[in-house]
Amino acid sequence: MKREKKKIGNEVPNTRAERTRKPKKKMNSGAVTLVILLVIAIIFLLGPTLIKTVTGTMTSTDILKTGIIEDSFNTKAIIIREEEQVISEITGTCISTYQEGEKVPRKATVATVIDSASQDQLNQIKSLNVRISQAKDDIMNNKDFVNEELKTVDEEILRNAVAFSDMHSEGSFANYSQIKKNIDILLDQKKDLKSSDSATSSYLEQLTVQREKVENTIKGKMKNVLNENPGVVSYVLDGFETEYTPQILGNVSVAGFEKMVSDINSGSKKAPDNAYVKIVTGLDYYLVCSVESSNVTGMKKGDLLDIRINDKNMIINVEIDSISIDGKDAVVVFKSGKALSKITSLRLVDIDVISKYVNGIRVPRKALMNVNNIEYTGRIAIIRSGYVYYADVKILAMNAEYAIIENLNAEADVTVKLNDFIVIDPTKVSEGQIV
């Protein structure tokens, strides 16, 4: 019978595995408690954030910065100006002689009208005009090239002439034949260059003579159109030139304006068949529009402001010429003399009326809550030390995307200041929430 070996004290293990095995250490109760408290603290502080991150509902934030926005409203406007139709003696194809919006003197040939029966000759003239224009460009380019080449050839001729003179002074004629050969070659090159320049000019002369011949064949069927008064020329007519004049502005009502817009959109008016040109004779023009009367609260005749004509993406300075209140709506007339030449082709335009530019703390409009459109107040959610606080603000200006704000009460417990973190969508949080 095998007897068990009794373990005594710190007996050395018999096997290698037993000798290398590390004894398990027991964690004391104090350390366990510390770890548990640390885990609870981490969950308490980061739990909500971790949950929102995992579920995709992390709160979007922004930083308050300064910015500028426009205090403006959008509307349609009709352009009214002093303009007159220029009537041609015949109908046919109109060839403009000025650029759209260009200033012209009195009795200028603002267009040439060619009888429709002469369309083939007209097409020939147009084709010749293109070729003549190209020939002129070629002459200019060739002239520059020829001048540079002639300069280089003359310099080479001079250099060889100096070499010949030096050779003669020294009494050495070993290179005489080579120098003479060089000069002869250079003279031939110079002759060819001048001949090339002359040929290009000759080609232009041929085209010009050819165009004159075609023009002579239709001279009796071609009439020049002359204007009676100086002004700005336009080749875009809509038939309202004699109807929509500054004389009607005092009689435009809200209903009348809407009918004018309808008539323009429907194209109910047409210019006479033999009216190809109009002349804007007045220095000023007017933009008349119908808007909600609340949009012009505080405005008065003589006020200066800016208007953006969205059709041209440009801003012009205007003066309020008149405001006529009609219940909840108003007819407003703006007067300007700016950029007249750029809008001669326009009648009905989309505009933004900019009453002022406001500078201050800019926030996304959707960051505002409890907006009061009468008192222009609201609230925003700001973040301090990881907690959400609400601050009451005054809205100085607002457009579709942004608002300019300031503190409603500078002495309040919670106020806004630059570089504050704000919640972009305050409906996703509540006051006191950790974010």
Protein backbone atom coordinates (compact mmCIF):
# COMPACT_ATOMS: atom_id res chain seq x y z
CA MET A 1 0.00 0.00 0.00
CA LYS A 2 1.30 3.37 -1.19
CA ARG A 3 1.72 5.97 1.53
CA GLU A 4 0.82 9.65 0.85
CA LYS A 5 3.66 12.02 1.16
CA LYS A 6 2.97 14.67 3.74
CA LYS A 7 3.57 18.29 2.65
CA ILE A 8 5.65 20.20 5.12
CA GLY A 9 6.01 24.02 5.10
CA ASN A 10 7.48 25.56 1.93
CA GLU A 11 8.32 22.30 0.31
CA VAL A 12 9.99 22.67 -3.09
CA PRO A 13 7.80 21.27 -6.00
CA ASN A 14 9.06 18.05 -7.46
CA THR A 15 8.19 18.75 -11.15
CA ARG A 16 9.30 21.53 -13.52
CA ALA A 17 5.68 22.49 -14.31
CA GLU A 18 4.90 22.84 -10.62
CA ARG A 19 7.98 24.93 -10.08
CA THR A 20 7.14 27.37 -12.95
CA ARG A 21 3.40 27.76 -12.21
CA LYS A 22 2.64 31.20 -10.67
CA PRO A 23 0.41 31.25 -7.67
CA LYS A 24 -2.92 33.15 -8.08
CA LYS A 25 -3.12 36.47 -6.30
CA LYS A 26 -6.27 37.39 -4.50
CA MET A 27 -7.61 41.00 -4.97
CA ASN A 28 -8.39 42.61 -1.68
CA SER A 29 -11.86 44.07 -1.07
CA GLY A 30 -10.61 47.70 -1.11
CA ALA A 31 -9.29 47.45 -4.66
CA VAL A 32 -12.51 45.80 -5.86
CA THR A 33 -14.58 48.62 -4.39
CA LEU A 34 -12.38 51.26 -6.07
CA VAL A 35 -12.75 49.63 -9.51
CA ILE A 36 -16.53 49.39 -9.12
CA LEU A 37 -16.78 53.08 -8.18
CA LEU A 38 -14.62 54.08 -11.13
CA VAL A 39 -16.79 52.13 -13.58
CA ILE A 40 -19.96 53.71 -12.13
CA ALA A 41 -18.45 57.20 -12.50
CA ILE A 42 -17.49 56.57 -16.13
CA ILE A 43 -20.97 55.28 -16.94
CA PHE A 44 -22.57 58.27 -15.21
CA LEU A 45 -20.45 60.82 -17.07
CA LEU A 46 -20.16 59.23 -20.49
CA GLY A 47 -23.17 56.97 -20.59
CA PRO A 48 -25.60 59.40 -22.27
CA THR A 49 -22.98 60.42 -24.83
CA LEU A 50 -22.08 56.84 -25.61
CA ILE A 51 -25.73 55.87 -25.98
CA LYS A 52 -26.40 58.78 -28.33
CA THR A 53 -23.32 57.96 -30.36
CA VAL A 54 -24.35 54.34 -30.74
CA THR A 55 -27.98 55.16 -31.59
CA GLY A 56 -27.05 57.95 -34.00
CA THR A 57 -28.61 60.78 -31.99
CA MET A 58 -25.45 62.68 -31.08
CA THR A 59 -26.37 66.35 -30.54
CA SER A 60 -25.13 68.65 -33.32
CA THR A 61 -23.43 71.81 -32.08
CA ASP A 62 -21.97 75.01 -33.47
CA ILE A 63 -19.79 77.87 -32.25
CA LEU A 64 -21.10 81.43 -32.09
CA LYS A 65 -19.26 83.73 -34.51
CA THR A 66 -19.88 87.21 -35.88
CA GLY A 67 -21.46 87.60 -39.28
CA ILE A 68 -23.56 89.81 -41.56
CA ILE A 69 -26.99 89.13 -42.98
CA GLU A 70 -29.41 91.18 -45.02
CA ASP A 71 -32.71 92.38 -43.71
CA SER A 72 -34.63 91.85 -46.94
CA PHE A 73 -37.74 90.54 -48.66
CA ASN A 74 -38.30 89.05 -52.08
CA THR A 75 -40.83 90.16 -54.67
CA LYS A 76 -41.53 90.67 -58.38
CA ALA A 77 -41.06 94.10 -59.93
CA ILE A 78 -41.93 95.70 -63.26
CA ILE A 79 -39.38 98.02 -64.83
CA ILE A 80 -40.88 101.31 -66.03
CA ARG A 81 -38.83 103.78 -68.07
CA GLU A 82 -38.98 106.48 -70.72
CA GLU A 83 -38.49 104.62 -73.99
CA GLU A 84 -39.61 104.88 -77.58
CA GLN A 85 -39.95 102.43 -80.45
CA VAL A 86 -37.96 103.20 -83.59
CA ILE A 87 -40.00 102.34 -86.68
CA SER A 88 -38.45 101.04 -89.92
CA GLU A 89 -39.76 101.94 -93.40
CA ILE A 90 -39.74 98.28 -94.43
CA THR A 91 -40.04 94.88 -92.76
CA GLY A 92 -37.52 92.11 -93.10
CA THR A 93 -34.35 91.05 -91.37
CA CYS A 94 -32.83 93.45 -88.86
CA ILE A 95 -29.08 93.81 -88.55
CA SER A 96 -28.10 95.62 -85.36
CA THR A 97 -25.28 98.13 -85.57
CA TYR A 98 -24.72 98.67 -81.84
CA GLN A 99 -24.37 96.46 -78.80
CA GLU A 100 -27.38 95.94 -76.51
CA GLY A 101 -27.37 98.71 -73.88
CA GLU A 102 -24.92 100.94 -75.76
CA LYS A 103 -25.35 104.71 -75.74
CA VAL A 104 -26.18 106.24 -79.12
CA PRO A 105 -26.37 109.86 -80.33
CA ARG A 106 -29.31 111.43 -82.13
CA LYS A 107 -29.89 110.38 -85.75
CA ALA A 108 -27.58 107.37 -85.50
CA THR A 109 -27.97 104.32 -87.74
CA VAL A 110 -29.11 101.98 -84.97
CA ALA A 111 -30.00 99.15 -87.37
CA THR A 112 -30.28 98.13 -91.00
CA VAL A 113 -33.36 96.29 -92.23
CA ILE A 114 -33.13 94.16 -95.38
CA ASP A 115 -36.16 93.01 -97.32
CA SER A 116 -36.98 89.36 -96.67
CA ALA A 117 -36.65 88.58 -100.39
CA SER A 118 -32.94 89.35 -100.15
CA GLN A 119 -32.24 86.68 -97.55
CA ASP A 120 -29.70 84.82 -99.73
CA GLN A 121 -27.66 87.97 -100.31
CA LEU A 122 -27.93 88.77 -96.64
CA ASN A 123 -26.48 85.38 -95.75
CA GLN A 124 -23.62 86.06 -98.17
CA ILE A 125 -22.94 89.37 -96.46
CA LYS A 126 -22.94 87.69 -93.05
CA SER A 127 -20.50 85.05 -94.30
CA LEU A 128 -18.26 87.70 -95.84
CA ASN A 129 -18.34 89.71 -92.61
CA VAL A 130 -17.02 86.67 -90.73
CA ARG A 131 -14.24 86.13 -93.29
CA ILE A 132 -13.33 89.83 -93.30
CA SER A 133 -13.12 89.84 -89.52
CA GLN A 134 -10.85 86.76 -89.63
CA ALA A 135 -8.70 88.35 -92.34
CA LYS A 136 -8.25 91.46 -90.24
CA ASP A 137 -7.12 89.32 -87.31
CA ASP A 138 -4.72 87.46 -89.60
CA ILE A 139 -3.29 90.74 -90.87
CA MET A 140 -2.66 91.95 -87.35
CA ASN A 141 -1.08 88.65 -86.33
CA ASN A 142 0.93 88.41 -89.56
CA LYS A 143 2.05 92.03 -89.32
CA ASP A 144 3.44 91.42 -85.85
CA PHE A 145 5.20 88.29 -87.10
CA VAL A 146 6.55 90.01 -90.24
CA ASN A 147 7.81 93.01 -88.29
CA GLU A 148 9.70 90.76 -85.88
CA GLU A 149 11.17 88.73 -88.73
CA LEU A 150 12.14 91.85 -90.68
CA LYS A 151 13.84 93.22 -87.62
CA THR A 152 15.84 89.99 -87.23
CA VAL A 153 16.78 89.94 -90.96
CA ASP A 154 17.89 93.59 -90.90
CA GLU A 155 20.06 92.90 -87.87
CA GLU A 156 21.70 89.96 -89.70
CA ILE A 157 22.26 92.08 -92.83
CA LEU A 158 23.90 94.78 -90.70
CA ARG A 159 26.08 92.23 -88.92
CA ASN A 160 27.31 90.80 -92.25
CA ALA A 161 27.89 94.31 -93.64
CA VAL A 162 30.03 95.16 -90.60
CA ALA A 163 31.97 91.91 -91.09
CA PHE A 164 32.55 92.80 -94.74
CA SER A 165 33.77 96.28 -93.75
CA ASP A 166 36.16 94.83 -91.15
CA MET A 167 37.47 92.35 -93.68
CA HIS A 168 38.11 95.13 -96.19
CA SER A 169 39.96 97.22 -93.57
CA GLU A 170 42.20 94.30 -92.69
CA GLY A 171 42.90 93.54 -96.36
CA SER A 172 41.74 89.95 -95.96
CA PHE A 173 39.17 88.67 -98.53
CA ALA A 174 39.19 84.99 -97.60
CA ASN A 175 35.47 85.01 -96.53
CA TYR A 176 34.25 87.50 -99.15
CA SER A 177 32.15 84.99 -101.13
CA GLN A 178 30.48 83.56 -97.99
CA ILE A 179 29.54 87.00 -96.61
CA LYS A 180 28.13 88.09 -99.99
CA LYS A 181 26.13 84.86 -100.17
CA ASN A 182 24.72 85.47 -96.67
CA ILE A 183 23.64 89.01 -97.59
CA ASP A 184 21.95 87.80 -100.80
CA ILE A 185 19.99 85.15 -98.87
CA LEU A 186 18.91 87.68 -96.26
CA LEU A 187 17.73 90.14 -98.92
CA ASP A 188 15.63 87.38 -100.53
CA GLN A 189 14.09 86.58 -97.13
CA LYS A 190 13.22 90.24 -96.62
CA LYS A 191 11.55 90.38 -100.04
CA ASP A 192 9.49 87.23 -99.29
CA LEU A 193 8.31 88.63 -95.94
CA LYS A 194 7.11 91.86 -97.53
CA SER A 195 5.39 89.87 -100.26
CA SER A 196 3.58 87.75 -97.66
CA ASP A 197 2.37 90.86 -95.84
CA SER A 198 1.13 92.34 -99.10
CA ALA A 199 -0.70 89.12 -100.07
CA THR A 200 -2.65 89.08 -96.80
CA SER A 201 -3.71 92.70 -97.29
CA SER A 202 -4.70 91.95 -100.86
CA TYR A 203 -6.94 89.09 -99.69
CA LEU A 204 -8.74 91.46 -97.31
CA GLU A 205 -9.25 93.96 -100.14
CA GLN A 206 -10.76 91.24 -102.33
CA LEU A 207 -13.23 90.24 -99.61
CA THR A 208 -14.22 93.88 -99.03
CA VAL A 209 -14.85 94.45 -102.76
CA GLN A 210 -16.88 91.26 -102.93
CA ARG A 211 -19.06 92.37 -100.00
CA GLU A 212 -19.65 95.77 -101.62
CA LYS A 213 -20.87 94.06 -104.79
CA VAL A 214 -23.39 91.96 -102.87
CA GLU A 215 -24.54 94.99 -100.89
CA ASN A 216 -25.09 96.92 -104.14
CA THR A 217 -27.43 94.21 -105.41
CA ILE A 218 -29.75 94.73 -102.44
CA LYS A 219 -29.18 98.43 -101.87
CA GLY A 220 -32.70 99.29 -103.01
CA LYS A 221 -34.13 96.65 -100.66
CA MET A 222 -32.15 97.77 -97.63
CA LYS A 223 -33.07 100.63 -95.29
CA ASN A 224 -31.13 102.17 -92.43
CA VAL A 225 -33.04 102.78 -89.20
CA LEU A 226 -32.27 106.11 -87.50
CA ASN A 227 -33.35 107.21 -84.03
CA GLU A 228 -34.83 110.64 -83.34
CA ASN A 229 -33.50 111.05 -79.80
CA PRO A 230 -30.25 110.07 -78.07
CA GLY A 231 -30.27 107.41 -75.38
CA VAL A 232 -29.53 103.77 -74.70
CA VAL A 233 -30.32 101.33 -77.51
CA SER A 234 -32.05 97.97 -77.12
CA TYR A 235 -33.13 95.37 -79.64
CA VAL A 236 -35.55 93.62 -77.24
CA LEU A 237 -39.13 94.90 -77.53
CA ASP A 238 -42.25 93.59 -75.79
CA GLY A 239 -44.92 96.02 -76.96
CA PHE A 240 -45.25 97.79 -73.60
CA GLU A 241 -42.79 100.55 -74.49
CA THR A 242 -45.55 103.09 -75.13
CA GLU A 243 -47.86 101.82 -72.38
CA TYR A 244 -45.67 101.28 -69.30
CA THR A 245 -44.28 104.78 -68.90
CA PRO A 246 -43.51 106.82 -65.74
CA GLN A 247 -46.78 108.72 -66.27
CA ILE A 248 -48.83 105.72 -65.01
CA LEU A 249 -46.97 105.22 -61.74
CA GLY A 250 -49.31 107.33 -59.63
CA ASN A 251 -52.30 105.25 -60.73
CA VAL A 252 -51.02 101.70 -60.17
CA SER A 253 -53.07 99.77 -57.59
CA VAL A 254 -52.40 96.32 -56.14
CA ALA A 255 -54.98 94.80 -58.52
CA GLY A 256 -53.58 96.87 -61.38
CA PHE A 257 -50.09 95.61 -60.70
CA GLU A 258 -51.25 91.99 -60.73
CA LYS A 259 -52.93 92.56 -64.11
CA MET A 260 -49.74 94.11 -65.48
CA VAL A 261 -47.77 91.03 -64.37
CA SER A 262 -50.36 88.76 -65.98
CA ASP A 263 -50.22 90.71 -69.26
CA ILE A 264 -46.41 90.53 -69.35
CA ASN A 265 -46.36 86.80 -68.65
CA SER A 266 -49.00 86.08 -71.28
CA GLY A 267 -47.31 88.26 -73.91
CA SER A 268 -50.61 89.97 -74.66
CA LYS A 269 -48.84 92.93 -76.28
CA LYS A 270 -46.59 92.83 -79.33
CA ALA A 271 -44.42 95.49 -80.89
CA PRO A 272 -45.32 96.51 -84.46
CA ASP A 273 -43.84 94.29 -87.17
CA ASN A 274 -41.60 97.11 -88.37
CA ALA A 275 -40.34 98.07 -84.88
CA TYR A 276 -36.94 96.46 -84.37
CA VAL A 277 -35.25 98.90 -82.02
CA LYS A 278 -36.14 100.91 -78.94
CA ILE A 279 -34.31 103.83 -77.37
CA VAL A 280 -34.37 104.37 -73.60
CA THR A 281 -34.37 108.15 -73.44
CA GLY A 282 -34.70 108.75 -69.70
CA LEU A 283 -31.72 108.84 -67.37
CA ASP A 284 -33.69 107.21 -64.54
CA TYR A 285 -35.96 104.17 -64.43
CA TYR A 286 -38.46 102.80 -61.91
CA LEU A 287 -39.22 99.43 -60.34
CA VAL A 288 -42.82 99.09 -59.22
CA CYS A 289 -43.93 96.17 -57.04
CA SER A 290 -46.77 94.99 -54.81
CA VAL A 291 -45.78 93.71 -51.35
CA GLU A 292 -47.28 93.04 -47.95
CA SER A 293 -47.52 96.36 -46.13
CA SER A 294 -45.69 94.84 -43.13
CA ASN A 295 -42.58 94.57 -45.31
CA VAL A 296 -42.36 98.34 -45.71
CA THR A 297 -43.13 99.29 -42.12
CA GLY A 298 -40.93 102.23 -41.18
CA MET A 299 -39.97 102.99 -44.78
CA LYS A 300 -40.81 106.34 -46.37
CA LYS A 301 -40.36 108.32 -49.56
CA GLY A 302 -36.74 109.34 -50.08
CA ASP A 303 -35.21 106.44 -48.14
CA LEU A 304 -32.13 104.93 -49.79
CA LEU A 305 -31.56 101.19 -49.91
CA ASP A 306 -30.24 98.39 -52.11
CA ILE A 307 -32.07 96.06 -54.47
CA ARG A 308 -30.67 92.84 -55.86
CA ILE A 309 -31.91 92.07 -59.36
CA ASN A 310 -31.66 88.29 -59.32
CA ASP A 311 -32.11 87.99 -63.10
CA LYS A 312 -28.71 89.67 -63.49
CA ASN A 313 -27.28 88.82 -60.05
CA MET A 314 -26.39 92.45 -59.40
CA ILE A 315 -27.13 94.97 -56.67
CA ILE A 316 -28.22 98.54 -57.45
CA ASN A 317 -28.80 101.57 -55.25
CA VAL A 318 -32.37 102.87 -55.28
CA GLU A 319 -34.52 105.55 -53.68
CA ILE A 320 -38.10 105.04 -52.55
CA ASP A 321 -40.18 107.18 -54.90
CA SER A 322 -43.60 106.38 -53.41
CA ILE A 323 -45.47 103.99 -51.08
CA SER A 324 -49.23 103.50 -51.45
CA ILE A 325 -50.86 101.40 -48.71
CA ASP A 326 -53.85 99.33 -49.84
CA GLY A 327 -55.08 97.35 -46.84
CA LYS A 328 -52.66 94.53 -46.05
CA ASP A 329 -50.72 95.24 -49.23
CA ALA A 330 -48.83 98.18 -50.66
CA VAL A 331 -47.59 99.38 -54.04
CA VAL A 332 -44.00 100.57 -53.78
CA VAL A 333 -42.08 102.42 -56.47
CA PHE A 334 -38.28 102.51 -56.41
CA LYS A 335 -36.25 104.94 -58.52
CA SER A 336 -32.71 104.44 -59.80
CA GLY A 337 -30.28 105.50 -62.50
CA LYS A 338 -27.72 102.75 -61.85
CA ALA A 339 -26.76 100.06 -64.37
CA LEU A 340 -29.41 101.20 -66.86
CA SER A 341 -27.52 99.71 -69.80
CA LYS A 342 -27.51 96.23 -68.20
CA ILE A 343 -31.28 95.89 -67.86
CA THR A 344 -32.60 97.35 -71.13
CA SER A 345 -33.83 93.90 -72.19
CA LEU A 346 -35.74 93.25 -68.92
CA ARG A 347 -39.33 94.10 -67.98
CA LEU A 348 -40.52 91.75 -65.20
CA VAL A 349 -37.75 90.91 -62.72
CA ASP A 350 -37.26 89.00 -59.48
CA ILE A 351 -35.75 91.24 -56.80
CA ASP A 352 -34.63 91.23 -53.17
CA VAL A 353 -35.33 94.52 -51.40
CA ILE A 354 -32.52 94.98 -48.87
CA SER A 355 -33.53 97.49 -46.20
CA LYS A 356 -30.33 97.13 -44.20
CA TYR A 357 -27.28 95.01 -43.44
CA VAL A 358 -26.99 93.80 -39.85
CA ASN A 359 -23.70 92.79 -38.21
CA GLY A 360 -23.47 90.82 -34.96
CA ILE A 361 -23.60 87.31 -33.49
CA ARG A 362 -24.90 85.04 -36.23
CA VAL A 363 -26.71 81.75 -35.54
CA PRO A 364 -28.42 79.21 -37.80
CA ARG A 365 -32.13 80.02 -37.89
CA LYS A 366 -33.04 76.46 -36.86
CA ALA A 367 -31.03 76.97 -33.65
CA LEU A 368 -33.73 79.39 -32.47
CA MET A 369 -36.78 78.24 -30.52
CA ASN A 370 -39.87 80.01 -29.13
CA VAL A 371 -39.51 82.69 -31.84
CA ASN A 372 -41.83 85.67 -31.37
CA ASN A 373 -42.22 87.39 -34.75
CA ILE A 374 -43.95 90.39 -33.19
CA GLU A 375 -41.43 91.24 -30.48
CA TYR A 376 -38.51 89.62 -32.38
CA THR A 377 -37.34 87.45 -29.50
CA GLY A 378 -36.38 83.81 -29.13
CA ARG A 379 -34.28 81.32 -27.17
CA ILE A 380 -31.20 79.30 -27.95
CA ALA A 381 -29.66 76.34 -26.18
CA ILE A 382 -26.03 76.87 -25.15
CA ILE A 383 -23.62 74.41 -23.61
CA ARG A 384 -21.65 75.24 -20.49
CA SER A 385 -19.43 72.64 -18.77
CA GLY A 386 -21.25 69.89 -20.63
CA TYR A 387 -24.74 70.99 -19.55
CA VAL A 388 -27.53 72.58 -21.62
CA TYR A 389 -28.76 76.05 -20.63
CA TYR A 390 -31.36 78.25 -22.31
CA ALA A 391 -30.65 81.90 -23.07
CA ASP A 392 -33.23 84.50 -24.15
CA VAL A 393 -32.15 86.60 -27.13
CA LYS A 394 -33.26 89.58 -29.19
CA ILE A 395 -33.47 88.91 -32.94
CA LEU A 396 -31.96 91.88 -34.80
CA ALA A 397 -32.41 90.44 -38.30
CA MET A 398 -33.32 87.12 -39.85
CA ASN A 399 -33.42 85.48 -43.27
CA ALA A 400 -34.18 81.97 -44.45
CA GLU A 401 -30.93 80.53 -43.09
CA TYR A 402 -29.48 82.75 -40.35
CA ALA A 403 -30.35 85.28 -37.68
CA ILE A 404 -28.35 88.02 -35.98
CA ILE A 405 -28.96 88.03 -32.22
CA GLU A 406 -27.99 89.80 -29.01
CA ASN A 407 -28.81 89.19 -25.36
CA LEU A 408 -32.36 90.09 -24.43
CA ASN A 409 -31.16 90.92 -20.92
CA ALA A 410 -27.44 91.48 -20.42
CA GLU A 411 -27.90 90.95 -16.64
CA ALA A 412 -29.56 87.55 -16.95
CA ASP A 413 -28.04 84.48 -15.29
CA VAL A 414 -27.38 82.92 -18.68
CA THR A 415 -26.24 85.11 -21.57
CA VAL A 416 -24.68 84.42 -24.96
CA LYS A 417 -21.22 85.47 -26.01
CA LEU A 418 -18.84 84.81 -28.87
CA ASN A 419 -17.32 81.31 -29.10
CA ASP A 420 -20.14 79.77 -27.03
CA PHE A 421 -21.17 76.29 -28.07
CA ILE A 422 -24.84 76.10 -29.06
CA VAL A 423 -27.18 73.24 -29.95
CA ILE A 424 -28.21 73.46 -33.59
CA ASP A 425 -31.55 71.71 -33.01
CA PRO A 426 -32.73 72.69 -29.50
CA THR A 427 -35.80 70.43 -29.78
CA LYS A 428 -33.47 67.44 -29.33
CA VAL A 429 -32.33 68.48 -25.83
CA SER A 430 -33.76 69.74 -22.56
CA GLU A 431 -32.42 72.22 -20.03
CA GLY A 432 -29.92 70.68 -17.63
CA GLN A 433 -29.19 67.75 -19.94
CA ILE A 434 -25.62 66.52 -20.24
CA VAL A 435 -24.27 66.61 -23.78
